[in-house]
């Protein structure tokens, strides 16, 4: 992606077809797990918001990055231990099947967390 995407469709359209397919699967999985979340672009990547940032994802040369905050990583650390990651992110290899069930469960966990927060006012 050389241009800044204004929405998730634009972001996804900037990748080769095989990567677009994976990104659409991840997007659909998150949307199904968090149907009330708003889709946007945040930090130059697809972002879902629900009472604040919920979860981000992005494509890279060799992996799909998922950014469910440090709490999302900590809650699923055992299942995520086979993947590269950091405090608030995990890398799913692009040449392996995406763990869509795990992504769904992480998203649902994040929804529960964000719904406990005070409601943020729209700007």
Foldseek 3Di string as FASTA:
>chain_A
DPDQDFFQVSQLVVDDPLVSVLSVLLVVLLCVLPVPWDWGADPSFIFTDDLHTAKTWHDDDFWIKIFRALVLCVVCVVVQVVFDDDSGMTTHTSVDDDPSVSSSVSSNVSNVVSVPDPRDDDD
